[in-house]
Each structure stands twice: as structure tokens, then as C-alpha cells.
N, C-alpha and C. Protein backbone atom coordinates (compact mmCIF):
# COMPACT_ATOMS: atom_id res chain seq x y z
N MET A 1 192.57 3.15 121.60
CA MET A 1 193.31 3.81 120.64
C MET A 1 194.74 4.22 121.10
N THR A 2 195.51 3.79 120.44
CA THR A 2 196.97 4.15 120.82
C THR A 2 197.32 5.28 119.57
N THR A 3 197.90 6.58 119.70
CA THR A 3 198.40 7.35 118.70
C THR A 3 199.87 7.48 118.73
N VAL A 4 200.58 7.28 117.94
CA VAL A 4 202.23 7.62 118.10
C VAL A 4 202.44 8.52 117.08
N VAL A 5 203.03 9.25 118.39
CA VAL A 5 203.63 11.06 117.07
C VAL A 5 205.19 10.88 117.32
N ASN A 6 206.11 11.41 116.82
CA ASN A 6 207.36 11.89 116.62
C ASN A 6 207.62 12.77 117.60
N VAL A 7 208.89 12.97 118.17
CA VAL A 7 208.84 14.37 119.29
C VAL A 7 208.66 15.59 118.20
N GLN A 8 209.42 15.73 117.06
CA GLN A 8 208.74 17.24 116.58
C GLN A 8 207.28 17.34 116.75
N ASP A 9 206.66 16.51 116.49
CA ASP A 9 205.12 16.49 116.24
C ASP A 9 204.47 16.72 117.34
N ALA A 10 204.96 16.17 118.55
CA ALA A 10 204.63 15.94 119.99
C ALA A 10 204.73 17.20 120.49
N LYS A 11 205.96 18.29 120.30
CA LYS A 11 206.17 19.40 120.63
C LYS A 11 205.36 20.09 119.94
N THR A 12 205.03 19.81 118.50
CA THR A 12 203.90 21.00 118.05
C THR A 12 202.39 21.12 118.50
N ARG A 13 202.37 19.98 118.91
CA ARG A 13 200.96 19.88 119.15
C ARG A 13 200.78 19.35 120.46
N LEU A 14 201.32 19.25 121.11
CA LEU A 14 201.13 18.94 122.42
C LEU A 14 199.50 19.54 123.25
N SER A 15 199.33 20.36 123.09
CA SER A 15 197.91 20.76 123.94
C SER A 15 197.07 19.90 123.42
N GLU A 16 196.68 19.55 121.84
CA GLU A 16 195.99 18.79 121.44
C GLU A 16 196.21 17.05 121.78
N LEU A 17 197.28 16.78 122.15
CA LEU A 17 197.94 15.70 122.45
C LEU A 17 197.14 15.09 123.99
N LEU A 18 197.75 16.39 124.51
CA LEU A 18 196.99 16.67 126.22
C LEU A 18 195.64 16.26 126.58
N HIS A 19 194.97 17.18 125.22
CA HIS A 19 193.33 16.77 125.44
C HIS A 19 192.90 15.55 125.03
N ARG A 20 193.49 15.19 124.23
CA ARG A 20 193.30 13.44 123.73
C ARG A 20 193.59 12.63 124.67
N VAL A 21 194.72 12.47 125.57
CA VAL A 21 194.73 12.09 126.86
C VAL A 21 193.73 11.87 128.00
N GLU A 22 193.24 13.13 127.84
CA GLU A 22 192.24 13.20 128.97
C GLU A 22 190.95 12.67 128.40
N ARG A 23 190.75 12.42 127.26
CA ARG A 23 189.45 11.94 126.76
C ARG A 23 189.86 10.33 126.82
N GLY A 24 191.33 9.46 126.84
CA GLY A 24 191.38 8.46 127.51
C GLY A 24 192.00 7.73 126.38
N GLU A 25 192.54 8.73 125.42
CA GLU A 25 193.31 7.94 124.69
C GLU A 25 194.90 8.11 124.80
N ASP A 26 195.28 6.54 124.16
CA ASP A 26 196.89 6.45 124.30
C ASP A 26 197.70 7.11 123.49
N VAL A 27 198.80 7.93 124.38
CA VAL A 27 199.58 8.95 123.16
C VAL A 27 201.15 8.30 123.44
N VAL A 28 201.89 7.77 122.66
CA VAL A 28 203.20 7.07 122.37
C VAL A 28 204.03 8.50 121.62
N ILE A 29 205.30 8.76 122.11
CA ILE A 29 206.12 9.45 121.71
C ILE A 29 207.02 9.01 121.00
N ALA A 30 207.64 8.72 120.14
CA ALA A 30 208.52 8.00 119.62
C ALA A 30 209.83 9.05 119.02
N ARG A 31 211.25 8.48 118.91
CA ARG A 31 212.40 9.36 118.50
C ARG A 31 212.84 8.32 117.28
N ALA A 32 212.71 8.96 116.17
CA ALA A 32 212.80 8.30 114.93
C ALA A 32 212.23 6.89 114.75
N GLY A 33 210.70 7.00 115.20
CA GLY A 33 210.29 5.62 114.87
C GLY A 33 209.81 4.63 115.96
N THR A 34 211.15 4.96 117.00
CA THR A 34 210.83 4.05 118.08
C THR A 34 210.38 4.75 119.45
N PRO A 35 209.51 3.97 119.95
CA PRO A 35 208.87 4.48 121.30
C PRO A 35 209.74 4.80 122.50
N VAL A 36 209.50 5.88 122.80
CA VAL A 36 210.57 6.47 124.02
C VAL A 36 209.59 6.89 125.21
N ALA A 37 208.43 7.36 125.10
CA ALA A 37 207.68 7.75 126.08
C ALA A 37 206.25 7.71 126.07
N ARG A 38 205.25 7.61 127.02
CA ARG A 38 203.88 7.62 126.66
C ARG A 38 203.24 8.52 127.44
N LEU A 39 202.34 9.60 126.97
CA LEU A 39 201.45 10.25 127.72
C LEU A 39 200.45 9.72 128.67
N ALA A 40 200.26 10.18 129.55
CA ALA A 40 199.22 9.36 130.72
C ALA A 40 198.51 10.49 132.09
N PRO A 41 197.20 9.96 131.76
CA PRO A 41 196.75 10.67 132.69
C PRO A 41 196.99 10.60 133.98
N VAL A 42 196.94 11.79 135.08
CA VAL A 42 197.55 11.79 136.15
C VAL A 42 196.54 11.17 137.00
N ASP A 43 196.62 9.97 137.72
CA ASP A 43 195.55 9.50 138.54
C ASP A 43 195.25 9.95 139.84
N LEU A 44 194.57 10.96 140.22
CA LEU A 44 194.36 11.66 141.06
C LEU A 44 193.99 11.01 142.43
N ALA A 45 193.05 9.72 142.38
CA ALA A 45 193.02 9.42 143.50
C ALA A 45 193.62 8.72 144.44
N TRP A 46 195.25 8.42 144.15
CA TRP A 46 196.49 8.04 144.69
C TRP A 46 196.66 9.45 145.93
N GLU A 47 196.60 10.72 145.49
CA GLU A 47 197.22 11.50 145.89
C GLU A 47 196.24 11.71 147.37
N ARG A 48 197.02 12.35 148.48
CA ARG A 48 196.41 12.44 149.60
C ARG A 48 196.16 13.85 149.79
N PRO A 49 195.57 14.15 150.60
CA PRO A 49 195.17 15.94 150.82
C PRO A 49 196.74 16.64 151.38
N LEU A 50 196.82 17.32 151.27
CA LEU A 50 197.94 18.24 151.76
C LEU A 50 197.70 18.08 153.36
N GLY A 51 198.47 18.29 154.29
CA GLY A 51 198.25 18.27 155.74
C GLY A 51 197.97 17.09 156.42
N THR A 52 197.76 15.78 155.81
CA THR A 52 197.61 14.80 156.35
C THR A 52 198.78 14.14 157.05
N VAL A 53 199.81 14.75 157.17
CA VAL A 53 200.88 14.07 157.82
C VAL A 53 201.92 14.48 158.89
N ARG A 54 201.61 14.44 160.04
CA ARG A 54 202.54 15.80 161.10
C ARG A 54 203.23 14.73 161.44
N VAL A 55 204.84 15.61 161.37
CA VAL A 55 205.64 15.00 161.51
C VAL A 55 206.64 15.95 162.82
N GLU A 56 207.18 15.25 163.77
CA GLU A 56 207.65 15.67 164.92
C GLU A 56 208.94 15.84 165.12
N VAL A 57 209.61 17.16 165.00
CA VAL A 57 210.87 17.56 165.06
C VAL A 57 211.33 17.75 166.37
N PRO A 58 212.20 17.02 166.98
CA PRO A 58 212.99 17.88 168.43
C PRO A 58 213.61 18.97 168.29
N ASP A 59 213.51 19.92 169.32
CA ASP A 59 214.11 20.79 169.32
C ASP A 59 215.59 20.72 169.20
N SER A 60 216.40 19.53 169.51
CA SER A 60 217.43 19.23 169.61
C SER A 60 217.83 19.42 167.33
N PHE A 61 217.06 19.35 166.90
CA PHE A 61 217.26 19.29 165.40
C PHE A 61 217.66 20.73 165.24
N PHE A 62 217.65 21.67 165.85
CA PHE A 62 217.70 23.25 165.62
C PHE A 62 219.03 23.65 166.42
N ALA A 63 219.47 22.74 167.12
CA ALA A 63 220.78 23.54 168.13
C ALA A 63 221.70 23.54 167.41
N ALA A 64 222.65 24.25 167.40
CA ALA A 64 224.17 24.49 166.78
C ALA A 64 224.78 23.11 166.92
N LEU A 65 225.45 23.21 165.66
CA LEU A 65 226.37 22.19 165.88
C LEU A 65 227.50 22.66 166.40
N PRO A 66 228.23 21.45 167.04
CA PRO A 66 229.52 21.90 167.63
C PRO A 66 230.11 22.12 166.56
N ASP A 67 231.52 22.83 167.16
CA ASP A 67 232.31 23.67 165.92
C ASP A 67 233.46 22.42 165.48
N GLU A 68 233.75 21.38 166.02
CA GLU A 68 234.13 20.05 165.37
C GLU A 68 233.30 19.43 164.46
N GLU A 69 232.43 19.44 164.42
CA GLU A 69 231.51 19.11 163.18
C GLU A 69 231.36 19.93 162.42
N LEU A 70 231.00 20.93 162.69
CA LEU A 70 231.35 22.22 161.53
C LEU A 70 232.86 22.08 160.83
N ASP A 71 233.69 22.22 161.52
CA ASP A 71 235.12 22.12 160.82
C ASP A 71 234.93 20.63 159.59
N ALA A 72 234.54 19.83 159.91
CA ALA A 72 234.27 18.41 159.40
C ALA A 72 233.73 18.97 157.96
N TRP A 73 232.77 19.69 157.87
CA TRP A 73 231.80 20.13 156.75
C TRP A 73 232.73 21.51 155.78
N GLN A 74 233.53 22.14 156.36
CA GLN A 74 234.40 23.02 155.28
C GLN A 74 235.66 22.00 154.62
């Protein structure tokens, strides 16, 4: 079932609307009767656990820039 609410009503009842979304309801927010946004549950299945990507940064990344490079940024 889809529930359509106007912006002011959504601001007033946000907690209730979030509970409805958690239970599987569709909630559409409308401005002057025109749908502009949809509340949807977050799909946590796509998220990766933190710390699973290892990035190697070379030591040269932290080296001081030459003076002519620094002057170009100013």
C-alpha cells in the first residue's frame, strides 16, 4: 500500500512514517499534491563491513611540494 503525504504532514509525522516504512509500506511525500520524494528502507545487504578495503599510499604522497607548486596554488 502506498501512502501519500504532503510535506507539512510528513514533517509533523516523520517518526510514524518511518515506522510504516520499516513495516514495508511505501510512503510518498508530495508538494502541493505533486509527488517529489519516496521514503524507502535502507537495504543493509549491499553495505560492506568497514575495513575491508586496503589502500596503499606511497610515502611520496606525504612529501612536501616544491615551492613553484605551492606558489601556483596561491
